[in-house]
């Protein structure tokens, strides 16, 4: 049940630009997130594969928060990726 005066959320037909997302929902510094992620990878794990897996998770989100774009670039370096990020699907 929806409280009086509140409307259900509607899907926006227009994506929100990354700068608006950053202003509304700031994230910790990407370098801090990267180090936390790196420390969470189990010892002996394939870091390149783990980084590619995280990149795939990030790539599913569109548009990307500017901090997430930077985090993805850090992960790409860890994965040895040289290809550019795929264009978003609309």
PDB file of N, CA and C in Angstrom:
ATOM      1  N   UNK A   1       0.836  -1.174   0.000  1.00  0.00           N
ATOM      2  CA  UNK A   1       0.000   0.000   0.000  1.00  0.00           C
ATOM      3  C   UNK A   1       0.886   1.244   0.000  1.00  0.00           C
ATOM      4  N   UNK A   2       0.500   2.222  -0.760  1.00  0.00           N
ATOM      5  CA  UNK A   2       1.266   3.455  -0.875  1.00  0.00           C
ATOM      6  C   UNK A   2       0.670   4.495   0.064  1.00  0.00           C
ATOM      7  N   UNK A   3       1.555   5.169   0.815  1.00  0.00           N
ATOM      8  CA  UNK A   3       1.099   6.195   1.750  1.00  0.00           C
ATOM      9  C   UNK A   3       0.425   7.336   0.997  1.00  0.00           C
ATOM     10  N   UNK A   4      -0.483   8.017   1.688  1.00  0.00           N
ATOM     11  CA  UNK A   4      -1.187   9.151   1.073  1.00  0.00           C
ATOM     12  C   UNK A   4      -0.197  10.166   0.521  1.00  0.00           C
ATOM     13  N   UNK A   5      -0.488  10.627  -0.681  1.00  0.00           N
ATOM     14  CA  UNK A   5       0.330  11.668  -1.287  1.00  0.00           C
ATOM     15  C   UNK A   5       1.556  11.164  -2.017  1.00  0.00           C
ATOM     16  N   UNK A   6       1.866   9.880  -1.920  1.00  0.00           N
ATOM     17  CA  UNK A   6       3.046   9.333  -2.601  1.00  0.00           C
ATOM     18  C   UNK A   6       2.611   8.591  -3.846  1.00  0.00           C
ATOM     19  N   UNK A   7       3.338   8.796  -4.893  1.00  0.00           N
ATOM     20  CA  UNK A   7       3.084   8.126  -6.164  1.00  0.00           C
ATOM     21  C   UNK A   7       4.088   6.993  -6.329  1.00  0.00           C
ATOM     22  N   UNK A   8       3.694   5.909  -6.982  1.00  0.00           N
ATOM     23  CA  UNK A   8       4.656   4.832  -7.234  1.00  0.00           C
ATOM     24  C   UNK A   8       5.777   5.329  -8.147  1.00  0.00           C
ATOM     25  N   UNK A   9       6.947   4.744  -7.986  1.00  0.00           N
ATOM     26  CA  UNK A   9       8.082   5.104  -8.848  1.00  0.00           C
ATOM     27  C   UNK A   9       7.788   4.660 -10.264  1.00  0.00           C
ATOM     28  N   UNK A  10       8.143   5.488 -11.209  1.00  0.00           N
ATOM     29  CA  UNK A  10       7.971   5.168 -12.621  1.00  0.00           C
ATOM     30  C   UNK A  10       9.338   5.084 -13.266  1.00  0.00           C
ATOM     31  N   UNK A  11       9.442   4.150 -14.184  1.00  0.00           N
ATOM     32  CA  UNK A  11      10.674   4.058 -14.964  1.00  0.00           C
ATOM     33  C   UNK A  11      10.801   5.325 -15.794  1.00  0.00           C
ATOM     34  N   UNK A  12      11.935   5.933 -15.749  1.00  0.00           N
ATOM     35  CA  UNK A  12      12.174   7.116 -16.574  1.00  0.00           C
ATOM     36  C   UNK A  12      12.574   6.653 -17.967  1.00  0.00           C
ATOM     37  N   UNK A  13      12.015   7.290 -18.959  1.00  0.00           N
ATOM     38  CA  UNK A  13      12.385   6.943 -20.326  1.00  0.00           C
ATOM     39  C   UNK A  13      13.692   7.622 -20.719  1.00  0.00           C
ATOM     40  N   UNK A  14      14.153   8.510 -19.882  1.00  0.00           N
ATOM     41  CA  UNK A  14      15.365   9.276 -20.155  1.00  0.00           C
ATOM     42  C   UNK A  14      16.416   8.933 -19.101  1.00  0.00           C
ATOM     43  N   UNK A  15      17.613   8.468 -19.500  1.00  0.00           N
ATOM     44  CA  UNK A  15      18.644   8.140 -18.508  1.00  0.00           C
ATOM     45  C   UNK A  15      19.136   9.401 -17.788  1.00  0.00           C
ATOM     46  N   UNK A  16      19.534   9.208 -16.544  1.00  0.00           N
ATOM     47  CA  UNK A  16      20.091  10.300 -15.746  1.00  0.00           C
ATOM     48  C   UNK A  16      21.570  10.405 -16.088  1.00  0.00           C
ATOM     49  N   UNK A  17      22.053  11.620 -16.285  1.00  0.00           N
ATOM     50  CA  UNK A  17      23.459  11.785 -16.649  1.00  0.00           C
ATOM     51  C   UNK A  17      24.363  11.495 -15.447  1.00  0.00           C
ATOM     52  N   UNK A  18      25.598  11.026 -15.696  1.00  0.00           N
ATOM     53  CA  UNK A  18      26.517  10.649 -14.624  1.00  0.00           C
ATOM     54  C   UNK A  18      26.817  11.770 -13.634  1.00  0.00           C
ATOM     55  N   UNK A  19      26.869  13.013 -14.091  1.00  0.00           N
ATOM     56  CA  UNK A  19      27.163  14.128 -13.174  1.00  0.00           C
ATOM     57  C   UNK A  19      26.041  14.304 -12.152  1.00  0.00           C
ATOM     58  N   UNK A  20      24.796  14.122 -12.585  1.00  0.00           N
ATOM     59  CA  UNK A  20      23.660  14.206 -11.657  1.00  0.00           C
ATOM     60  C   UNK A  20      23.730  13.074 -10.643  1.00  0.00           C
ATOM     61  N   UNK A  21      24.055  11.880 -11.114  1.00  0.00           N
ATOM     62  CA  UNK A  21      24.182  10.740 -10.210  1.00  0.00           C
ATOM     63  C   UNK A  21      25.249  11.023  -9.161  1.00  0.00           C
ATOM     64  N   UNK A  22      26.388  11.558  -9.576  1.00  0.00           N
ATOM     65  CA  UNK A  22      27.486  11.852  -8.644  1.00  0.00           C
ATOM     66  C   UNK A  22      27.073  12.886  -7.609  1.00  0.00           C
ATOM     67  N   UNK A  23      26.289  13.876  -8.025  1.00  0.00           N
ATOM     68  CA  UNK A  23      25.860  14.921  -7.092  1.00  0.00           C
ATOM     69  C   UNK A  23      24.838  14.396  -6.091  1.00  0.00           C
ATOM     70  N   UNK A  24      23.968  13.521  -6.554  1.00  0.00           N
ATOM     71  CA  UNK A  24      22.894  13.004  -5.698  1.00  0.00           C
ATOM     72  C   UNK A  24      23.390  11.860  -4.816  1.00  0.00           C
ATOM     73  N   UNK A  25      24.277  11.036  -5.346  1.00  0.00           N
ATOM     74  CA  UNK A  25      24.710   9.838  -4.634  1.00  0.00           C
ATOM     75  C   UNK A  25      26.232   9.706  -4.687  1.00  0.00           C
ATOM     76  N   UNK A  26      26.931  10.482  -3.863  1.00  0.00           N
ATOM     77  CA  UNK A  26      28.395  10.393  -3.896  1.00  0.00           C
ATOM     78  C   UNK A  26      28.885   9.027  -3.399  1.00  0.00           C
ATOM     79  N   UNK A  27      29.936   8.548  -3.992  1.00  0.00           N
ATOM     80  CA  UNK A  27      30.546   7.276  -3.609  1.00  0.00           C
ATOM     81  C   UNK A  27      31.905   7.532  -2.965  1.00  0.00           C
ATOM     82  N   UNK A  28      32.421   6.545  -2.243  1.00  0.00           N
ATOM     83  CA  UNK A  28      33.795   6.675  -1.732  1.00  0.00           C
ATOM     84  C   UNK A  28      34.758   6.797  -2.916  1.00  0.00           C
ATOM     85  N   UNK A  29      35.957   7.275  -2.680  1.00  0.00           N
ATOM     86  CA  UNK A  29      36.929   7.388  -3.777  1.00  0.00           C
ATOM     87  C   UNK A  29      37.144   6.030  -4.451  1.00  0.00           C
ATOM     88  N   UNK A  30      37.223   6.016  -5.789  1.00  0.00           N
ATOM     89  CA  UNK A  30      37.390   4.752  -6.507  1.00  0.00           C
ATOM     90  C   UNK A  30      38.635   3.983  -6.080  1.00  0.00           C
ATOM     91  N   UNK A  31      39.692   4.714  -5.745  1.00  0.00           N
ATOM     92  CA  UNK A  31      40.921   4.034  -5.297  1.00  0.00           C
ATOM     93  C   UNK A  31      40.673   3.268  -4.005  1.00  0.00           C
ATOM     94  N   UNK A  32      39.867   3.815  -3.120  1.00  0.00           N
ATOM     95  CA  UNK A  32      39.534   3.142  -1.859  1.00  0.00           C
ATOM     96  C   UNK A  32      38.706   1.882  -2.134  1.00  0.00           C
ATOM     97  N   UNK A  33      37.748   1.988  -3.033  1.00  0.00           N
ATOM     98  CA  UNK A  33      36.928   0.828  -3.403  1.00  0.00           C
ATOM     99  C   UNK A  33      37.803  -0.239  -4.046  1.00  0.00           C
ATOM    100  N   UNK A  34      38.737   0.188  -4.920  1.00  0.00           N
ATOM    101  CA  UNK A  34      39.625  -0.756  -5.588  1.00  0.00           C
ATOM    102  C   UNK A  34      40.475  -1.517  -4.572  1.00  0.00           C
ATOM    103  N   UNK A  35      41.056  -0.816  -3.635  1.00  0.00           N
ATOM    104  CA  UNK A  35      41.890  -1.477  -2.615  1.00  0.00           C
ATOM    105  C   UNK A  35      41.042  -2.436  -1.787  1.00  0.00           C
ATOM    106  N   UNK A  36      39.830  -2.022  -1.414  1.00  0.00           N
ATOM    107  CA  UNK A  36      38.939  -2.919  -0.663  1.00  0.00           C
ATOM    108  C   UNK A  36      38.623  -4.172  -1.485  1.00  0.00           C
ATOM    109  N   UNK A  37      38.331  -3.967  -2.770  1.00  0.00           N
ATOM    110  CA  UNK A  37      38.059  -5.115  -3.636  1.00  0.00           C
ATOM    111  C   UNK A  37      39.283  -6.018  -3.713  1.00  0.00           C
ATOM    112  N   UNK A  38      40.453  -5.429  -3.935  1.00  0.00           N
ATOM    113  CA  UNK A  38      41.686  -6.207  -4.069  1.00  0.00           C
ATOM    114  C   UNK A  38      41.950  -7.034  -2.807  1.00  0.00           C
ATOM    115  N   UNK A  39      41.717  -6.430  -1.647  1.00  0.00           N
ATOM    116  CA  UNK A  39      41.935  -7.141  -0.380  1.00  0.00           C
ATOM    117  C   UNK A  39      40.904  -8.258  -0.175  1.00  0.00           C
ATOM    118  N   UNK A  40      39.751  -8.165  -0.853  1.00  0.00           N
ATOM    119  CA  UNK A  40      38.712  -9.185  -0.686  1.00  0.00           C
ATOM    120  C   UNK A  40      38.903 -10.397  -1.591  1.00  0.00           C
ATOM    121  N   UNK A  41      39.785 -10.270  -2.587  1.00  0.00           N
ATOM    122  CA  UNK A  41      40.031 -11.393  -3.494  1.00  0.00           C
ATOM    123  C   UNK A  41      40.810 -12.456  -2.727  1.00  0.00           C
ATOM    124  N   UNK A  42      40.320 -13.709  -2.739  1.00  0.00           N
ATOM    125  CA  UNK A  42      41.014 -14.771  -1.994  1.00  0.00           C
ATOM    126  C   UNK A  42      42.455 -14.974  -2.455  1.00  0.00           C
ATOM    127  N   UNK A  43      43.313 -15.332  -1.527  1.00  0.00           N
ATOM    128  CA  UNK A  43      44.716 -15.604  -1.851  1.00  0.00           C
ATOM    129  C   UNK A  43      44.782 -16.703  -2.900  1.00  0.00           C
ATOM    130  N   UNK A  44      45.635 -16.502  -3.870  1.00  0.00           N
ATOM    131  CA  UNK A  44      45.823 -17.492  -4.923  1.00  0.00           C
ATOM    132  C   UNK A  44      44.821 -17.398  -6.063  1.00  0.00           C
ATOM    133  N   UNK A  45      43.845 -16.505  -5.935  1.00  0.00           N
ATOM    134  CA  UNK A  45      42.847 -16.355  -7.006  1.00  0.00           C
ATOM    135  C   UNK A  45      43.478 -15.673  -8.213  1.00  0.00           C
ATOM    136  N   UNK A  46      42.901 -15.898  -9.363  1.00  0.00           N
ATOM    137  CA  UNK A  46      43.346 -15.261 -10.600  1.00  0.00           C
ATOM    138  C   UNK A  46      42.845 -13.816 -10.585  1.00  0.00           C
ATOM    139  N   UNK A  47      43.754 -12.866 -10.317  1.00  0.00           N
ATOM    140  CA  UNK A  47      43.367 -11.460 -10.211  1.00  0.00           C
ATOM    141  C   UNK A  47      42.810 -10.920 -11.519  1.00  0.00           C
ATOM    142  N   UNK A  48      43.382 -11.337 -12.645  1.00  0.00           N
ATOM    143  CA  UNK A  48      42.870 -10.851 -13.926  1.00  0.00           C
ATOM    144  C   UNK A  48      41.428 -11.304 -14.150  1.00  0.00           C
ATOM    145  N   UNK A  49      41.130 -12.553 -13.846  1.00  0.00           N
ATOM    146  CA  UNK A  49      39.770 -13.071 -14.015  1.00  0.00           C
ATOM    147  C   UNK A  49      38.816 -12.388 -13.037  1.00  0.00           C
ATOM    148  N   UNK A  50      39.264 -12.189 -11.802  1.00  0.00           N
ATOM    149  CA  UNK A  50      38.421 -11.528 -10.798  1.00  0.00           C
ATOM    150  C   UNK A  50      38.121 -10.085 -11.220  1.00  0.00           C
ATOM    151  N   UNK A  51      39.122  -9.403 -11.778  1.00  0.00           N
ATOM    152  CA  UNK A  51      38.925  -8.026 -12.231  1.00  0.00           C
ATOM    153  C   UNK A  51      37.957  -7.990 -13.408  1.00  0.00           C
ATOM    154  N   UNK A  52      38.095  -8.946 -14.342  1.00  0.00           N
ATOM    155  CA  UNK A  52      37.169  -8.998 -15.483  1.00  0.00           C
ATOM    156  C   UNK A  52      35.738  -9.245 -15.016  1.00  0.00           C
ATOM    157  N   UNK A  53      35.575 -10.070 -14.003  1.00  0.00           N
ATOM    158  CA  UNK A  53      34.241 -10.346 -13.454  1.00  0.00           C
ATOM    159  C   UNK A  53      33.633  -9.058 -12.871  1.00  0.00           C
ATOM    160  N   UNK A  54      34.434  -8.298 -12.128  1.00  0.00           N
ATOM    161  CA  UNK A  54      33.941  -7.031 -11.571  1.00  0.00           C
ATOM    162  C   UNK A  54      33.625  -6.034 -12.674  1.00  0.00           C
ATOM    163  N   UNK A  55      34.449  -6.009 -13.711  1.00  0.00           N
ATOM    164  CA  UNK A  55      34.193  -5.109 -14.835  1.00  0.00           C
ATOM    165  C   UNK A  55      32.862  -5.452 -15.487  1.00  0.00           C
ATOM    166  N   UNK A  56      32.579  -6.738 -15.628  1.00  0.00           N
ATOM    167  CA  UNK A  56      31.312  -7.163 -16.231  1.00  0.00           C
ATOM    168  C   UNK A  56      30.134  -6.692 -15.385  1.00  0.00           C
ATOM    169  N   UNK A  57      30.277  -6.760 -14.056  1.00  0.00           N
ATOM    170  CA  UNK A  57      29.214  -6.265 -13.176  1.00  0.00           C
ATOM    171  C   UNK A  57      29.009  -4.767 -13.359  1.00  0.00           C
ATOM    172  N   UNK A  58      30.093  -4.031 -13.445  1.00  0.00           N
ATOM    173  CA  UNK A  58      30.005  -2.581 -13.636  1.00  0.00           C
ATOM    174  C   UNK A  58      29.376  -2.264 -14.998  1.00  0.00           C
ATOM    175  N   UNK A  59      29.746  -3.024 -16.022  1.00  0.00           N
ATOM    176  CA  UNK A  59      29.251  -2.761 -17.373  1.00  0.00           C
ATOM    177  C   UNK A  59      27.748  -2.964 -17.506  1.00  0.00           C
ATOM    178  N   UNK A  60      27.144  -3.703 -16.595  1.00  0.00           N
ATOM    179  CA  UNK A  60      25.693  -3.918 -16.646  1.00  0.00           C
ATOM    180  C   UNK A  60      24.913  -2.683 -16.239  1.00  0.00           C
ATOM    181  N   UNK A  61      25.562  -1.730 -15.597  1.00  0.00           N
ATOM    182  CA  UNK A  61      24.905  -0.512 -15.121  1.00  0.00           C
ATOM    183  C   UNK A  61      25.113   0.620 -16.108  1.00  0.00           C
ATOM    184  N   UNK A  62      24.017   1.286 -16.479  1.00  0.00           N
ATOM    185  CA  UNK A  62      24.115   2.411 -17.400  1.00  0.00           C
ATOM    186  C   UNK A  62      23.162   3.478 -16.933  1.00  0.00           C
ATOM    187  N   UNK A  63      23.500   4.707 -16.847  1.00  0.00           N
ATOM    188  CA  UNK A  63      24.824   5.260 -17.076  1.00  0.00           C
ATOM    189  C   UNK A  63      25.716   5.027 -15.850  1.00  0.00           C
ATOM    190  N   UNK A  64      26.979   5.080 -16.071  1.00  0.00           N
ATOM    191  CA  UNK A  64      27.915   4.858 -14.975  1.00  0.00           C
ATOM    192  C   UNK A  64      28.153   6.129 -14.170  1.00  0.00           C
ATOM    193  N   UNK A  65      28.173   5.961 -12.880  1.00  0.00           N
ATOM    194  CA  UNK A  65      28.581   7.009 -11.955  1.00  0.00           C
ATOM    195  C   UNK A  65      30.038   7.328 -12.302  1.00  0.00           C
ATOM    196  N   UNK A  66      30.449   8.598 -12.277  1.00  0.00           N
ATOM    197  CA  UNK A  66      31.840   8.933 -12.619  1.00  0.00           C
ATOM    198  C   UNK A  66      32.866   8.153 -11.787  1.00  0.00           C
ATOM    199  N   UNK A  67      32.589   7.925 -10.523  1.00  0.00           N
ATOM    200  CA  UNK A  67      33.523   7.158  -9.690  1.00  0.00           C
ATOM    201  C   UNK A  67      33.577   5.702 -10.156  1.00  0.00           C
ATOM    202  N   UNK A  68      32.463   5.173 -10.622  1.00  0.00           N
ATOM    203  CA  UNK A  68      32.446   3.803 -11.132  1.00  0.00           C
ATOM    204  C   UNK A  68      33.241   3.706 -12.427  1.00  0.00           C
ATOM    205  N   UNK A  69      33.221   4.748 -13.243  1.00  0.00           N
ATOM    206  CA  UNK A  69      34.031   4.765 -14.460  1.00  0.00           C
ATOM    207  C   UNK A  69      35.514   4.683 -14.115  1.00  0.00           C
ATOM    208  N   UNK A  70      35.907   5.418 -13.093  1.00  0.00           N
ATOM    209  CA  UNK A  70      37.310   5.399 -12.657  1.00  0.00           C
ATOM    210  C   UNK A  70      37.660   4.031 -12.072  1.00  0.00           C
ATOM    211  N   UNK A  71      36.760   3.469 -11.259  1.00  0.00           N
ATOM    212  CA  UNK A  71      36.988   2.146 -10.683  1.00  0.00           C
ATOM    213  C   UNK A  71      37.138   1.114 -11.797  1.00  0.00           C
ATOM    214  N   UNK A  72      36.296   1.206 -12.820  1.00  0.00           N
ATOM    215  CA  UNK A  72      36.384   0.266 -13.933  1.00  0.00           C
ATOM    216  C   UNK A  72      37.742   0.386 -14.624  1.00  0.00           C
ATOM    217  N   UNK A  73      38.250   1.594 -14.771  1.00  0.00           N
ATOM    218  CA  UNK A  73      39.564   1.795 -15.391  1.00  0.00           C
ATOM    219  C   UNK A  73      40.663   1.139 -14.545  1.00  0.00           C
ATOM    220  N   UNK A  74      40.554   1.246 -13.231  1.00  0.00           N
ATOM    221  CA  UNK A  74      41.531   0.588 -12.349  1.00  0.00           C
ATOM    222  C   UNK A  74      41.461  -0.930 -12.505  1.00  0.00           C
ATOM    223  N   UNK A  75      40.247  -1.465 -12.559  1.00  0.00           N
ATOM    224  CA  UNK A  75      40.071  -2.910 -12.732  1.00  0.00           C
ATOM    225  C   UNK A  75      40.594  -3.359 -14.098  1.00  0.00           C
ATOM    226  N   UNK A  76      40.370  -2.543 -15.123  1.00  0.00           N
ATOM    227  CA  UNK A  76      40.857  -2.886 -16.464  1.00  0.00           C
ATOM    228  C   UNK A  76      42.374  -2.991 -16.473  1.00  0.00           C
ATOM    229  N   UNK A  77      43.016  -2.118 -15.735  1.00  0.00           N
ATOM    230  CA  UNK A  77      44.479  -2.186 -15.627  1.00  0.00           C
ATOM    231  C   UNK A  77      44.895  -3.500 -14.968  1.00  0.00           C
ATOM    232  N   UNK A  78      44.172  -3.893 -13.906  1.00  0.00           N
ATOM    233  CA  UNK A  78      44.474  -5.144 -13.208  1.00  0.00           C
ATOM    234  C   UNK A  78      44.220  -6.340 -14.128  1.00  0.00           C
ATOM    235  N   UNK A  79      43.180  -6.239 -14.965  1.00  0.00           N
ATOM    236  CA  UNK A  79      42.822  -7.340 -15.855  1.00  0.00           C
ATOM    237  C   UNK A  79      43.697  -7.390 -17.099  1.00  0.00           C
ATOM    238  N   UNK A  80      44.518  -6.358 -17.292  1.00  0.00           N
ATOM    239  CA  UNK A  80      45.348  -6.311 -18.485  1.00  0.00           C
ATOM    240  C   UNK A  80      44.544  -5.992 -19.725  1.00  0.00           C
ATOM    241  N   UNK A  81      43.379  -5.406 -19.519  1.00  0.00           N
ATOM    242  CA  UNK A  81      42.499  -5.087 -20.645  1.00  0.00           C
ATOM    243  C   UNK A  81      43.042  -3.890 -21.415  1.00  0.00           C
ATOM    244  N   UNK A  82      43.008  -4.012 -22.711  1.00  0.00           N
ATOM    245  CA  UNK A  82      43.436  -2.890 -23.534  1.00  0.00           C
ATOM    246  C   UNK A  82      42.296  -2.369 -24.387  1.00  0.00           C
ATOM    247  N   UNK A  83      41.179  -3.139 -24.425  1.00  0.00           N
ATOM    248  CA  UNK A  83      40.048  -2.696 -25.220  1.00  0.00           C
ATOM    249  C   UNK A  83      39.252  -1.644 -24.473  1.00  0.00           C
ATOM    250  N   UNK A  84      38.636  -0.724 -25.200  1.00  0.00           N
ATOM    251  CA  UNK A  84      37.813   0.296 -24.546  1.00  0.00           C
ATOM    252  C   UNK A  84      36.534  -0.326 -23.984  1.00  0.00           C
ATOM    253  N   UNK A  85      35.906   0.387 -23.088  1.00  0.00           N
ATOM    254  CA  UNK A  85      34.640  -0.070 -22.503  1.00  0.00           C
ATOM    255  C   UNK A  85      33.608  -0.143 -23.610  1.00  0.00           C
ATOM    256  N   UNK A  86      32.788  -1.226 -23.634  1.00  0.00           N
ATOM    257  CA  UNK A  86      31.765  -1.297 -24.662  1.00  0.00           C
ATOM    258  C   UNK A  86      30.745  -0.174 -24.498  1.00  0.00           C
ATOM    259  N   UNK A  87      30.170   0.266 -25.616  1.00  0.00           N
ATOM    260  CA  UNK A  87      29.162   1.314 -25.563  1.00  0.00           C
ATOM    261  C   UNK A  87      27.913   0.787 -24.877  1.00  0.00           C
ATOM    262  N   UNK A  88      27.198   1.647 -24.128  1.00  0.00           N
ATOM    263  CA  UNK A  88      25.986   1.187 -23.451  1.00  0.00           C
ATOM    264  C   UNK A  88      24.907   0.788 -24.452  1.00  0.00           C
ATOM    265  N   UNK A  89      24.089  -0.185 -24.033  1.00  0.00           N
ATOM    266  CA  UNK A  89      22.967  -0.633 -24.852  1.00  0.00           C
ATOM    267  C   UNK A  89      21.725   0.098 -24.400  1.00  0.00           C
ATOM    268  N   UNK A  90      20.975   0.683 -25.320  1.00  0.00           N
ATOM    269  CA  UNK A  90      19.739   1.383 -24.983  1.00  0.00           C
ATOM    270  C   UNK A  90      18.564   0.652 -25.558  1.00  0.00           C
TER     271      UNK A  90
END
